[in-house]
Amino acid sequence: MQKFKNLNDDVHVYAAHEYTQTNLRFAHSMQPANKVISEALDQVGQLRAEGRPTLPSMIGKEKSINLFLQAETLEDFIHLRKARDNFQ
């Protein structure tokens, strides 16, 4: 994750799967007061309702909405990963 954190914000992200909405729902459940995540979740909901993809993204955006990229320590990352694995 450190390599991703160190990338320039304008680098495009081409994920292999459309998990953006689920990942944002997870992030929102962990940080419900985070307005950046709430706004991104709304935008993604609109795109998906229109049948449009949410990808590609930009690493700068991912740094602001992806909790895994925000993890400060390995322990934080492991905690998040376990929580995400159990998220419906």
N, C-alpha and C. Protein backbone atom coordinates (compact mmCIF):
# COMPACT_ATOMS: atom_id res chain seq x y z
N MET A 1 0.82 -1.19 0.00
CA MET A 1 0.00 0.00 0.00
C MET A 1 0.87 1.26 0.00
N GLN A 2 2.06 1.14 0.56
CA GLN A 2 2.94 2.31 0.59
C GLN A 2 3.28 2.78 -0.82
N LYS A 3 3.46 1.85 -1.75
CA LYS A 3 3.75 2.25 -3.13
C LYS A 3 2.60 3.06 -3.70
N PHE A 4 1.37 2.63 -3.44
CA PHE A 4 0.21 3.37 -3.94
C PHE A 4 0.12 4.74 -3.29
N LYS A 5 0.38 4.81 -1.99
CA LYS A 5 0.32 6.10 -1.28
C LYS A 5 1.32 7.10 -1.85
N ASN A 6 2.43 6.60 -2.36
CA ASN A 6 3.49 7.48 -2.85
C ASN A 6 3.32 7.88 -4.31
N LEU A 7 2.33 7.34 -4.98
CA LEU A 7 2.10 7.72 -6.38
C LEU A 7 1.57 9.15 -6.47
N ASN A 8 1.84 9.79 -7.59
CA ASN A 8 1.29 11.12 -7.85
C ASN A 8 -0.23 11.02 -7.92
N ASP A 9 -0.90 12.05 -7.44
CA ASP A 9 -2.36 12.04 -7.37
C ASP A 9 -3.04 11.89 -8.73
N ASP A 10 -2.36 12.24 -9.81
CA ASP A 10 -2.99 12.17 -11.13
C ASP A 10 -2.83 10.83 -11.83
N VAL A 11 -2.29 9.84 -11.13
CA VAL A 11 -2.15 8.49 -11.71
C VAL A 11 -3.52 7.83 -11.77
N HIS A 12 -3.85 7.27 -12.92
CA HIS A 12 -5.12 6.58 -13.11
C HIS A 12 -5.07 5.21 -12.44
N VAL A 13 -6.22 4.80 -11.90
CA VAL A 13 -6.36 3.49 -11.26
C VAL A 13 -7.38 2.69 -12.08
N TYR A 14 -6.93 1.56 -12.58
CA TYR A 14 -7.79 0.67 -13.35
C TYR A 14 -7.96 -0.63 -12.56
N ALA A 15 -8.92 -0.65 -11.66
CA ALA A 15 -9.18 -1.84 -10.88
C ALA A 15 -9.81 -2.91 -11.78
N ALA A 16 -9.62 -4.16 -11.41
CA ALA A 16 -10.12 -5.26 -12.23
C ALA A 16 -11.60 -5.57 -11.97
N HIS A 17 -12.14 -5.07 -10.87
CA HIS A 17 -13.52 -5.37 -10.51
C HIS A 17 -14.24 -4.10 -10.07
N GLU A 18 -15.53 -4.10 -10.22
CA GLU A 18 -16.37 -2.96 -9.84
C GLU A 18 -16.81 -3.10 -8.39
N TYR A 19 -15.92 -2.76 -7.48
CA TYR A 19 -16.20 -2.84 -6.04
C TYR A 19 -16.37 -1.46 -5.41
N THR A 20 -16.36 -0.42 -6.20
CA THR A 20 -16.35 0.93 -5.66
C THR A 20 -17.52 1.20 -4.72
N GLN A 21 -18.71 0.84 -5.12
CA GLN A 21 -19.89 1.14 -4.30
C GLN A 21 -19.84 0.38 -2.97
N THR A 22 -19.51 -0.90 -3.02
CA THR A 22 -19.42 -1.68 -1.78
C THR A 22 -18.32 -1.14 -0.88
N ASN A 23 -17.18 -0.81 -1.47
CA ASN A 23 -16.08 -0.29 -0.66
C ASN A 23 -16.44 1.06 -0.03
N LEU A 24 -17.18 1.89 -0.75
CA LEU A 24 -17.60 3.17 -0.19
C LEU A 24 -18.67 2.98 0.89
N ARG A 25 -19.55 2.01 0.71
CA ARG A 25 -20.52 1.72 1.77
C ARG A 25 -19.78 1.27 3.03
N PHE A 26 -18.75 0.46 2.86
CA PHE A 26 -17.93 0.04 3.99
C PHE A 26 -17.25 1.25 4.64
N ALA A 27 -16.60 2.07 3.83
CA ALA A 27 -15.92 3.26 4.36
C ALA A 27 -16.89 4.16 5.10
N HIS A 28 -18.09 4.33 4.55
CA HIS A 28 -19.11 5.15 5.19
C HIS A 28 -19.54 4.55 6.53
N SER A 29 -19.62 3.23 6.60
CA SER A 29 -19.99 2.59 7.87
C SER A 29 -18.92 2.80 8.94
N MET A 30 -17.68 2.92 8.51
CA MET A 30 -16.57 3.13 9.44
C MET A 30 -16.40 4.61 9.80
N GLN A 31 -16.72 5.50 8.85
CA GLN A 31 -16.56 6.94 9.05
C GLN A 31 -17.82 7.67 8.56
N PRO A 32 -18.95 7.51 9.25
CA PRO A 32 -20.21 8.08 8.77
C PRO A 32 -20.22 9.61 8.67
N ALA A 33 -19.36 10.28 9.40
CA ALA A 33 -19.33 11.75 9.36
C ALA A 33 -18.39 12.29 8.28
N ASN A 34 -17.69 11.41 7.58
CA ASN A 34 -16.74 11.84 6.55
C ASN A 34 -17.50 12.29 5.31
N LYS A 35 -17.51 13.60 5.07
CA LYS A 35 -18.29 14.16 3.96
C LYS A 35 -17.72 13.78 2.60
N VAL A 36 -16.42 13.63 2.50
CA VAL A 36 -15.81 13.24 1.23
C VAL A 36 -16.29 11.85 0.83
N ILE A 37 -16.31 10.94 1.79
CA ILE A 37 -16.79 9.59 1.52
C ILE A 37 -18.28 9.60 1.20
N SER A 38 -19.07 10.37 1.96
CA SER A 38 -20.51 10.45 1.71
C SER A 38 -20.81 10.98 0.31
N GLU A 39 -20.10 12.01 -0.10
CA GLU A 39 -20.31 12.58 -1.43
C GLU A 39 -19.90 11.60 -2.52
N ALA A 40 -18.79 10.91 -2.31
CA ALA A 40 -18.34 9.92 -3.29
C ALA A 40 -19.35 8.78 -3.39
N LEU A 41 -19.90 8.35 -2.27
CA LEU A 41 -20.91 7.30 -2.27
C LEU A 41 -22.15 7.73 -3.05
N ASP A 42 -22.57 8.96 -2.87
CA ASP A 42 -23.71 9.48 -3.63
C ASP A 42 -23.42 9.50 -5.13
N GLN A 43 -22.22 9.97 -5.50
CA GLN A 43 -21.84 10.03 -6.92
C GLN A 43 -21.80 8.64 -7.54
N VAL A 44 -21.22 7.70 -6.82
CA VAL A 44 -21.13 6.34 -7.32
C VAL A 44 -22.51 5.71 -7.42
N GLY A 45 -23.37 5.98 -6.46
CA GLY A 45 -24.73 5.47 -6.52
C GLY A 45 -25.45 5.95 -7.78
N GLN A 46 -25.24 7.20 -8.13
CA GLN A 46 -25.85 7.76 -9.34
C GLN A 46 -25.29 7.08 -10.58
N LEU A 47 -23.97 6.93 -10.65
CA LEU A 47 -23.35 6.27 -11.80
C LEU A 47 -23.88 4.85 -11.97
N ARG A 48 -23.92 4.10 -10.89
CA ARG A 48 -24.36 2.71 -10.96
C ARG A 48 -25.84 2.62 -11.32
N ALA A 49 -26.65 3.56 -10.82
CA ALA A 49 -28.08 3.58 -11.16
C ALA A 49 -28.28 3.81 -12.66
N GLU A 50 -27.35 4.50 -13.26
CA GLU A 50 -27.40 4.77 -14.71
C GLU A 50 -26.72 3.66 -15.51
N GLY A 51 -26.22 2.64 -14.81
CA GLY A 51 -25.54 1.54 -15.48
C GLY A 51 -24.15 1.90 -15.96
N ARG A 52 -23.58 2.95 -15.40
CA ARG A 52 -22.25 3.41 -15.80
C ARG A 52 -21.19 2.91 -14.84
N PRO A 53 -19.98 2.68 -15.32
CA PRO A 53 -18.89 2.24 -14.44
C PRO A 53 -18.36 3.38 -13.58
N THR A 54 -17.71 3.03 -12.51
CA THR A 54 -17.08 4.02 -11.64
C THR A 54 -15.58 4.09 -11.89
N LEU A 55 -15.12 3.28 -12.80
CA LEU A 55 -13.69 3.18 -13.08
C LEU A 55 -13.41 3.70 -14.48
N PRO A 56 -12.23 4.18 -14.75
CA PRO A 56 -11.09 4.26 -13.84
C PRO A 56 -11.25 5.40 -12.84
N SER A 57 -10.38 5.36 -11.86
CA SER A 57 -10.34 6.39 -10.83
C SER A 57 -8.97 7.05 -10.88
N MET A 58 -8.72 7.94 -9.95
CA MET A 58 -7.40 8.58 -9.83
C MET A 58 -6.88 8.27 -8.44
N ILE A 59 -5.61 8.07 -8.32
CA ILE A 59 -5.04 7.70 -7.02
C ILE A 59 -5.27 8.81 -6.00
N GLY A 60 -5.29 10.06 -6.42
CA GLY A 60 -5.56 11.16 -5.48
C GLY A 60 -6.94 11.02 -4.86
N LYS A 61 -7.92 10.66 -5.68
CA LYS A 61 -9.27 10.44 -5.17
C LYS A 61 -9.28 9.25 -4.24
N GLU A 62 -8.61 8.18 -4.64
CA GLU A 62 -8.57 6.97 -3.81
C GLU A 62 -7.93 7.24 -2.45
N LYS A 63 -6.93 8.09 -2.42
CA LYS A 63 -6.30 8.45 -1.15
C LYS A 63 -7.29 9.13 -0.21
N SER A 64 -8.28 9.80 -0.77
CA SER A 64 -9.24 10.52 0.07
C SER A 64 -10.44 9.66 0.48
N ILE A 65 -10.70 8.56 -0.24
CA ILE A 65 -11.90 7.76 0.06
C ILE A 65 -11.61 6.31 0.42
N ASN A 66 -10.42 5.84 0.17
CA ASN A 66 -10.08 4.45 0.41
C ASN A 66 -9.40 4.32 1.77
N LEU A 67 -10.10 3.72 2.72
CA LEU A 67 -9.58 3.62 4.08
C LEU A 67 -8.29 2.83 4.16
N PHE A 68 -8.11 1.87 3.25
CA PHE A 68 -6.89 1.08 3.27
C PHE A 68 -5.67 1.94 2.93
N LEU A 69 -5.85 2.90 2.07
CA LEU A 69 -4.75 3.82 1.74
C LEU A 69 -4.51 4.83 2.86
N GLN A 70 -5.46 4.96 3.76
CA GLN A 70 -5.32 5.89 4.88
C GLN A 70 -4.76 5.23 6.13
N ALA A 71 -4.67 3.90 6.13
CA ALA A 71 -4.17 3.19 7.30
C ALA A 71 -2.74 3.64 7.62
N GLU A 72 -2.53 3.98 8.86
CA GLU A 72 -1.21 4.48 9.29
C GLU A 72 -0.24 3.35 9.63
N THR A 73 -0.77 2.25 10.13
CA THR A 73 0.08 1.15 10.56
C THR A 73 -0.42 -0.17 9.96
N LEU A 74 0.42 -1.18 10.03
CA LEU A 74 0.02 -2.50 9.58
C LEU A 74 -1.15 -3.01 10.41
N GLU A 75 -1.14 -2.73 11.68
CA GLU A 75 -2.24 -3.15 12.56
C GLU A 75 -3.55 -2.49 12.15
N ASP A 76 -3.50 -1.21 11.80
CA ASP A 76 -4.69 -0.51 11.32
C ASP A 76 -5.20 -1.17 10.03
N PHE A 77 -4.28 -1.48 9.13
CA PHE A 77 -4.65 -2.10 7.87
C PHE A 77 -5.30 -3.46 8.12
N ILE A 78 -4.71 -4.27 9.00
CA ILE A 78 -5.25 -5.60 9.30
C ILE A 78 -6.65 -5.47 9.90
N HIS A 79 -6.83 -4.52 10.81
CA HIS A 79 -8.14 -4.30 11.41
C HIS A 79 -9.18 -3.96 10.33
N LEU A 80 -8.83 -3.06 9.44
CA LEU A 80 -9.73 -2.68 8.35
C LEU A 80 -10.02 -3.86 7.42
N ARG A 81 -8.99 -4.62 7.10
CA ARG A 81 -9.17 -5.76 6.20
C ARG A 81 -10.13 -6.79 6.80
N LYS A 82 -9.97 -7.06 8.09
CA LYS A 82 -10.86 -8.01 8.75
C LYS A 82 -12.29 -7.47 8.79
N ALA A 83 -12.44 -6.19 9.06
CA ALA A 83 -13.77 -5.57 9.08
C ALA A 83 -14.39 -5.63 7.69
N ARG A 84 -13.62 -5.35 6.66
CA ARG A 84 -14.13 -5.38 5.28
C ARG A 84 -14.51 -6.80 4.87
N ASP A 85 -13.71 -7.78 5.30
CA ASP A 85 -14.01 -9.18 4.97
C ASP A 85 -15.36 -9.62 5.53
N ASN A 86 -15.77 -9.02 6.64
CA ASN A 86 -17.03 -9.37 7.28
C ASN A 86 -18.17 -8.41 6.96
N PHE A 87 -17.91 -7.45 6.08
CA PHE A 87 -18.91 -6.45 5.72
C PHE A 87 -19.82 -7.00 4.64
N GLN A 88 -21.09 -6.78 4.80
CA GLN A 88 -22.07 -7.26 3.80
C GLN A 88 -22.43 -6.15 2.88
